[in-house]
Amino acid sequence: MIVSSGYRKYGFDVSGGAELKKEHMSFWMDLPERTDPRGVCLELAEEVQEVEQGFFELLPTISELRILGKECRIWMDDATEELFHKNDVLIRGEFGSCAEKFAKEQGLRFLHLDTLLARSGDYFEYGVMTIELCFYSDGSCFIHQDEKCQGSSAGSSGGGETDVSLPKDFYLTMSAKEVAEMCWCTNKIISNGILAGLMAKARAKKGFLIDYRKSAKKEDKE
C-alpha cells in the first residue's frame, strides 16, 4: 500500500493495495501534512476495498474523503463518527456508489467526483486534449480543459489549460449538447453520452451535492 502526497489537493492519495491500515501512515506521522490546519483530503484509489478501524484518528483535520472504487468498507467506531461530524467531512464518489451509501448512512454531505468527459489526440503528435467536469465544494461546476503535447508548450499551438464556467443549475437549464458546444472535443462529448447521463442523474438527485445531514436530523426527530 502506498500513501503519497495528494495531487492537486492538501492531503494524501492511497493506492497499491486492498486494505488501508494505520501502519501505512508511519512515514507521515511526524510531518505537518498529516495535521494540515487547512483540512486534509484523503483519496482512495479503485483498488482500495477496506479502511482499518481507527485509521481516521490519525488525520484529525480530515475534511474530505474521496472513494474512487465501487466497493470500499470504511470501518467506523464512535471516535471516527464524532470526528467526521465535528469536521463536517465531505464524501465524494459516483452516484449510487458505496461512497454515496456511506454518506447517507453517516448523515454527511455527498458530492460527485470530477468526471472525465472526453479525451482526444495523440501525445506524441499534435497533443492530447482532456475535458473534465469539475466541482467546487458548494456543488457548483466548471469544465476544465487541458492540452499536452511532447517537447513543446501546448499553448504555442493554441492549447494549454482553460476553465469554462457553468451556471450552478446548468443540469436543469441547459442540454448536454449546449454544454458540449462550449468545450473542445464537442462531437466526442455528445457521442459518448457521459455528460448527458450525468446530467440526467443530477436532475433525479436534485443536484450534484446532496446534504444527507438533513435527512439524518429528520430521522433523529422522528
Protein backbone atom coordinates (compact mmCIF):
# COMPACT_ATOMS: atom_id res chain seq x y z
CA MET A 1 0.00 0.00 0.00
CA ILE A 2 1.32 3.45 -0.96
CA VAL A 3 0.25 6.66 0.81
CA SER A 4 1.62 9.58 -1.20
CA SER A 5 1.27 13.35 -1.07
CA GLY A 6 -2.02 14.40 -2.65
CA TYR A 7 -2.17 15.51 -6.28
CA ARG A 8 -3.71 18.99 -6.62
CA LYS A 9 -5.00 18.93 -3.05
CA TYR A 10 -3.95 19.16 0.60
CA GLY A 11 -3.81 15.56 1.74
CA PHE A 12 -2.96 12.08 0.52
CA ASP A 13 -3.55 9.61 -2.31
CA VAL A 14 -3.81 5.94 -1.37
CA SER A 15 -3.15 3.17 -3.91
CA GLY A 16 -1.50 -0.18 -4.48
CA GLY A 17 -3.42 -2.44 -2.11
CA ALA A 18 -6.81 -3.62 -0.89
CA GLU A 19 -6.71 -2.67 2.80
CA LEU A 20 -5.55 0.64 4.27
CA LYS A 21 -4.11 0.23 7.77
CA LYS A 22 -2.80 2.65 10.37
CA GLU A 23 0.72 1.33 9.86
CA HIS A 24 0.67 2.67 6.29
CA MET A 25 0.80 6.22 7.69
CA SER A 26 4.10 5.59 9.50
CA PHE A 27 6.15 7.78 7.15
CA TRP A 28 3.84 10.76 7.68
CA MET A 29 3.31 10.59 11.45
CA ASP A 30 5.80 13.36 12.33
CA LEU A 31 5.22 15.52 9.25
CA PRO A 32 2.93 18.59 9.16
CA GLU A 33 0.91 17.35 6.15
CA ARG A 34 -0.86 14.82 8.39
CA THR A 35 -2.47 17.54 10.51
CA ASP A 36 -2.70 20.36 7.95
CA PRO A 37 -4.95 23.05 9.51
CA ARG A 38 -6.39 23.84 6.06
CA GLY A 39 -8.02 20.41 6.09
CA VAL A 40 -6.82 17.04 4.81
CA CYS A 41 -8.32 15.29 1.79
CA LEU A 42 -7.84 11.52 1.54
CA GLU A 43 -8.35 9.88 -1.85
CA LEU A 44 -8.76 6.10 -2.05
CA ALA A 45 -7.94 4.52 -5.41
CA GLU A 46 -10.27 1.99 -7.02
CA GLU A 47 -8.36 -1.00 -5.66
CA VAL A 48 -8.74 0.08 -2.00
CA GLN A 49 -11.58 -2.02 -0.61
CA GLU A 50 -11.25 -1.53 3.14
CA VAL A 51 -10.06 1.01 5.71
CA GLU A 52 -8.99 -0.24 9.13
CA GLN A 53 -10.97 0.86 12.16
CA GLY A 54 -9.34 3.82 13.89
CA PHE A 55 -7.37 4.90 10.83
CA PHE A 56 -9.01 8.32 10.57
CA GLU A 57 -7.99 9.23 14.10
CA LEU A 58 -4.54 9.69 12.55
CA LEU A 59 -5.99 12.52 10.43
CA PRO A 60 -7.51 14.91 12.99
CA THR A 61 -8.14 17.65 10.40
CA ILE A 62 -9.70 15.44 7.72
CA SER A 63 -12.19 17.47 5.70
CA GLU A 64 -12.81 15.36 2.58
CA LEU A 65 -12.85 11.65 1.71
CA ARG A 66 -12.83 10.59 -1.95
CA ILE A 67 -13.74 6.99 -2.72
CA LEU A 68 -12.98 6.08 -6.34
CA GLY A 69 -13.91 2.40 -6.17
CA LYS A 70 -17.34 0.83 -6.44
CA GLU A 71 -16.89 -1.10 -3.20
CA CYS A 72 -14.99 0.06 -0.11
CA ARG A 73 -15.70 -0.80 3.53
CA ILE A 74 -14.97 2.01 5.98
CA TRP A 75 -14.81 0.55 9.48
CA MET A 76 -16.28 3.12 11.86
CA ASP A 77 -16.22 3.49 15.63
CA ASP A 78 -17.61 6.16 17.95
CA ALA A 79 -14.44 8.27 17.81
CA THR A 80 -14.38 8.25 14.00
CA GLU A 81 -18.06 9.12 13.73
CA GLU A 82 -17.55 12.01 16.13
CA LEU A 83 -14.54 13.22 14.12
CA PHE A 84 -16.39 13.07 10.80
CA HIS A 85 -19.34 15.05 12.13
CA LYS A 86 -17.18 17.54 14.03
CA ASN A 87 -15.17 18.27 10.86
CA ASP A 88 -18.26 18.10 8.62
CA VAL A 89 -16.36 15.76 6.28
CA LEU A 90 -17.40 15.88 2.62
CA ILE A 91 -17.71 12.46 0.98
CA ARG A 92 -17.04 12.22 -2.75
CA GLY A 93 -17.76 9.41 -5.19
CA GLU A 94 -20.10 8.49 -8.03
CA PHE A 95 -23.88 8.50 -7.82
CA GLY A 96 -25.18 5.20 -6.47
CA SER A 97 -21.74 4.11 -5.27
CA CYS A 98 -20.58 2.90 -1.88
CA ALA A 99 -19.40 6.48 -1.27
CA GLU A 100 -22.93 7.86 -1.56
CA LYS A 101 -24.29 4.99 0.54
CA PHE A 102 -21.68 5.74 3.23
CA ALA A 103 -22.55 9.45 3.25
CA LYS A 104 -26.24 8.64 3.60
CA GLU A 105 -25.69 6.13 6.41
CA GLN A 106 -23.46 8.52 8.33
CA GLY A 107 -25.54 11.66 7.72
CA LEU A 108 -22.81 13.53 5.82
CA ARG A 109 -22.63 15.64 2.67
CA PHE A 110 -22.01 13.88 -0.65
CA LEU A 111 -20.55 15.42 -3.79
CA HIS A 112 -19.98 13.71 -7.12
CA LEU A 113 -16.40 13.15 -8.22
CA ASP A 114 -14.80 15.18 -11.00
CA THR A 115 -15.57 13.28 -14.20
CA LEU A 116 -13.67 12.77 -17.43
CA LEU A 117 -15.97 13.73 -20.32
CA ALA A 118 -13.64 13.15 -23.26
CA ARG A 119 -10.05 12.62 -24.28
CA SER A 120 -8.75 13.01 -27.80
CA GLY A 121 -5.49 13.14 -29.74
CA ASP A 122 -2.01 11.69 -29.59
CA TYR A 123 0.55 12.97 -27.09
CA PHE A 124 3.44 12.23 -29.47
CA GLU A 125 1.91 14.03 -32.44
CA TYR A 126 -0.40 17.02 -32.03
CA GLY A 127 -1.09 16.58 -28.33
CA VAL A 128 -3.80 15.11 -26.11
CA MET A 129 -6.89 17.07 -25.11
CA THR A 130 -8.62 16.15 -21.85
CA ILE A 131 -12.01 17.54 -20.88
CA GLU A 132 -13.31 17.16 -17.30
CA LEU A 133 -16.43 18.21 -15.44
CA CYS A 134 -15.17 19.52 -12.09
CA PHE A 135 -16.90 20.57 -8.90
CA TYR A 136 -16.37 23.11 -6.15
CA SER A 137 -17.26 22.08 -2.60
CA ASP A 138 -20.55 24.01 -2.81
CA GLY A 139 -21.71 21.85 -5.73
CA SER A 140 -21.14 24.41 -8.46
CA CYS A 141 -19.36 23.17 -11.60
CA PHE A 142 -16.91 24.14 -14.29
CA ILE A 143 -15.31 22.47 -17.30
CA HIS A 144 -11.53 22.03 -17.11
CA GLN A 145 -9.80 21.64 -20.47
CA ASP A 146 -6.17 20.65 -20.80
CA GLU A 147 -3.96 20.00 -23.82
CA LYS A 148 -0.50 18.50 -23.51
CA CYS A 149 1.99 17.58 -26.21
CA GLN A 150 5.54 16.30 -26.39
CA GLY A 151 8.52 18.58 -26.48
CA SER A 152 6.77 21.94 -26.71
CA SER A 153 4.28 24.11 -24.93
CA ALA A 154 0.71 23.22 -25.74
CA GLY A 155 -0.01 26.92 -25.57
CA SER A 156 2.14 27.52 -28.65
CA SER A 157 -0.39 25.60 -30.75
CA GLY A 158 -3.50 27.08 -29.17
CA GLY A 159 -3.73 24.54 -26.34
CA GLY A 160 -2.72 24.81 -22.71
CA GLU A 161 -5.26 24.86 -19.88
CA THR A 162 -8.54 26.70 -19.60
CA ASP A 163 -11.68 26.59 -17.48
CA VAL A 164 -15.24 27.15 -18.65
CA SER A 165 -17.71 28.39 -16.06
CA LEU A 166 -21.16 26.82 -15.86
CA PRO A 167 -24.34 28.01 -14.16
CA LYS A 168 -24.88 26.15 -10.88
CA ASP A 169 -28.17 24.79 -12.22
CA PHE A 170 -26.83 24.02 -15.71
CA TYR A 171 -28.14 20.44 -15.50
CA LEU A 172 -31.67 21.91 -15.30
CA THR A 173 -31.38 24.85 -17.68
CA MET A 174 -29.10 23.52 -20.43
CA SER A 175 -28.91 20.47 -22.65
CA ALA A 176 -25.82 18.27 -22.84
CA LYS A 177 -25.37 19.45 -26.42
CA GLU A 178 -25.34 23.11 -25.33
CA VAL A 179 -22.69 22.38 -22.71
CA ALA A 180 -20.62 20.33 -25.17
CA GLU A 181 -20.65 23.19 -27.66
CA MET A 182 -18.79 25.29 -25.08
CA CYS A 183 -15.95 22.76 -25.00
CA TRP A 184 -13.18 21.27 -27.05
CA CYS A 185 -13.99 17.77 -28.38
CA THR A 186 -17.64 18.75 -28.80
CA ASN A 187 -18.62 15.80 -31.00
CA LYS A 188 -16.93 13.25 -28.75
CA ILE A 189 -18.67 14.62 -25.65
CA ILE A 190 -22.03 14.41 -27.40
CA SER A 191 -21.46 10.94 -28.86
CA ASN A 192 -20.15 9.14 -25.76
CA GLY A 193 -23.15 10.22 -23.65
CA ILE A 194 -21.20 10.60 -20.39
CA LEU A 195 -22.25 14.21 -19.82
CA ALA A 196 -25.87 13.59 -20.80
CA GLY A 197 -26.09 10.61 -18.43
CA LEU A 198 -24.56 12.53 -15.55
CA MET A 199 -26.89 15.49 -16.05
CA ALA A 200 -29.90 13.16 -16.06
CA LYS A 201 -28.80 11.63 -12.75
CA ALA A 202 -28.24 15.10 -11.27
CA ARG A 203 -31.78 16.08 -12.21
CA ALA A 204 -33.10 12.97 -10.47
CA LYS A 205 -30.95 13.64 -7.39
CA LYS A 206 -31.73 17.39 -7.46
CA GLY A 207 -28.09 18.35 -7.81
CA PHE A 208 -24.53 17.07 -7.65
CA LEU A 209 -24.20 17.96 -3.96
CA ILE A 210 -26.54 16.06 -1.64
CA ASP A 211 -26.84 17.03 2.01
CA TYR A 212 -27.61 13.85 3.92
CA ARG A 213 -27.16 15.74 7.19
CA LYS A 214 -30.72 16.99 6.78
CA SER A 215 -32.24 13.53 6.41
CA ALA A 216 -30.25 12.32 9.42
CA LYS A 217 -31.60 15.16 11.57
CA LYS A 218 -35.14 14.45 10.38
CA GLU A 219 -34.82 10.78 11.37
CA ASP A 220 -33.48 11.78 14.80
CA LYS A 221 -36.53 13.95 15.41
CA GLU A 222 -38.89 11.18 14.41
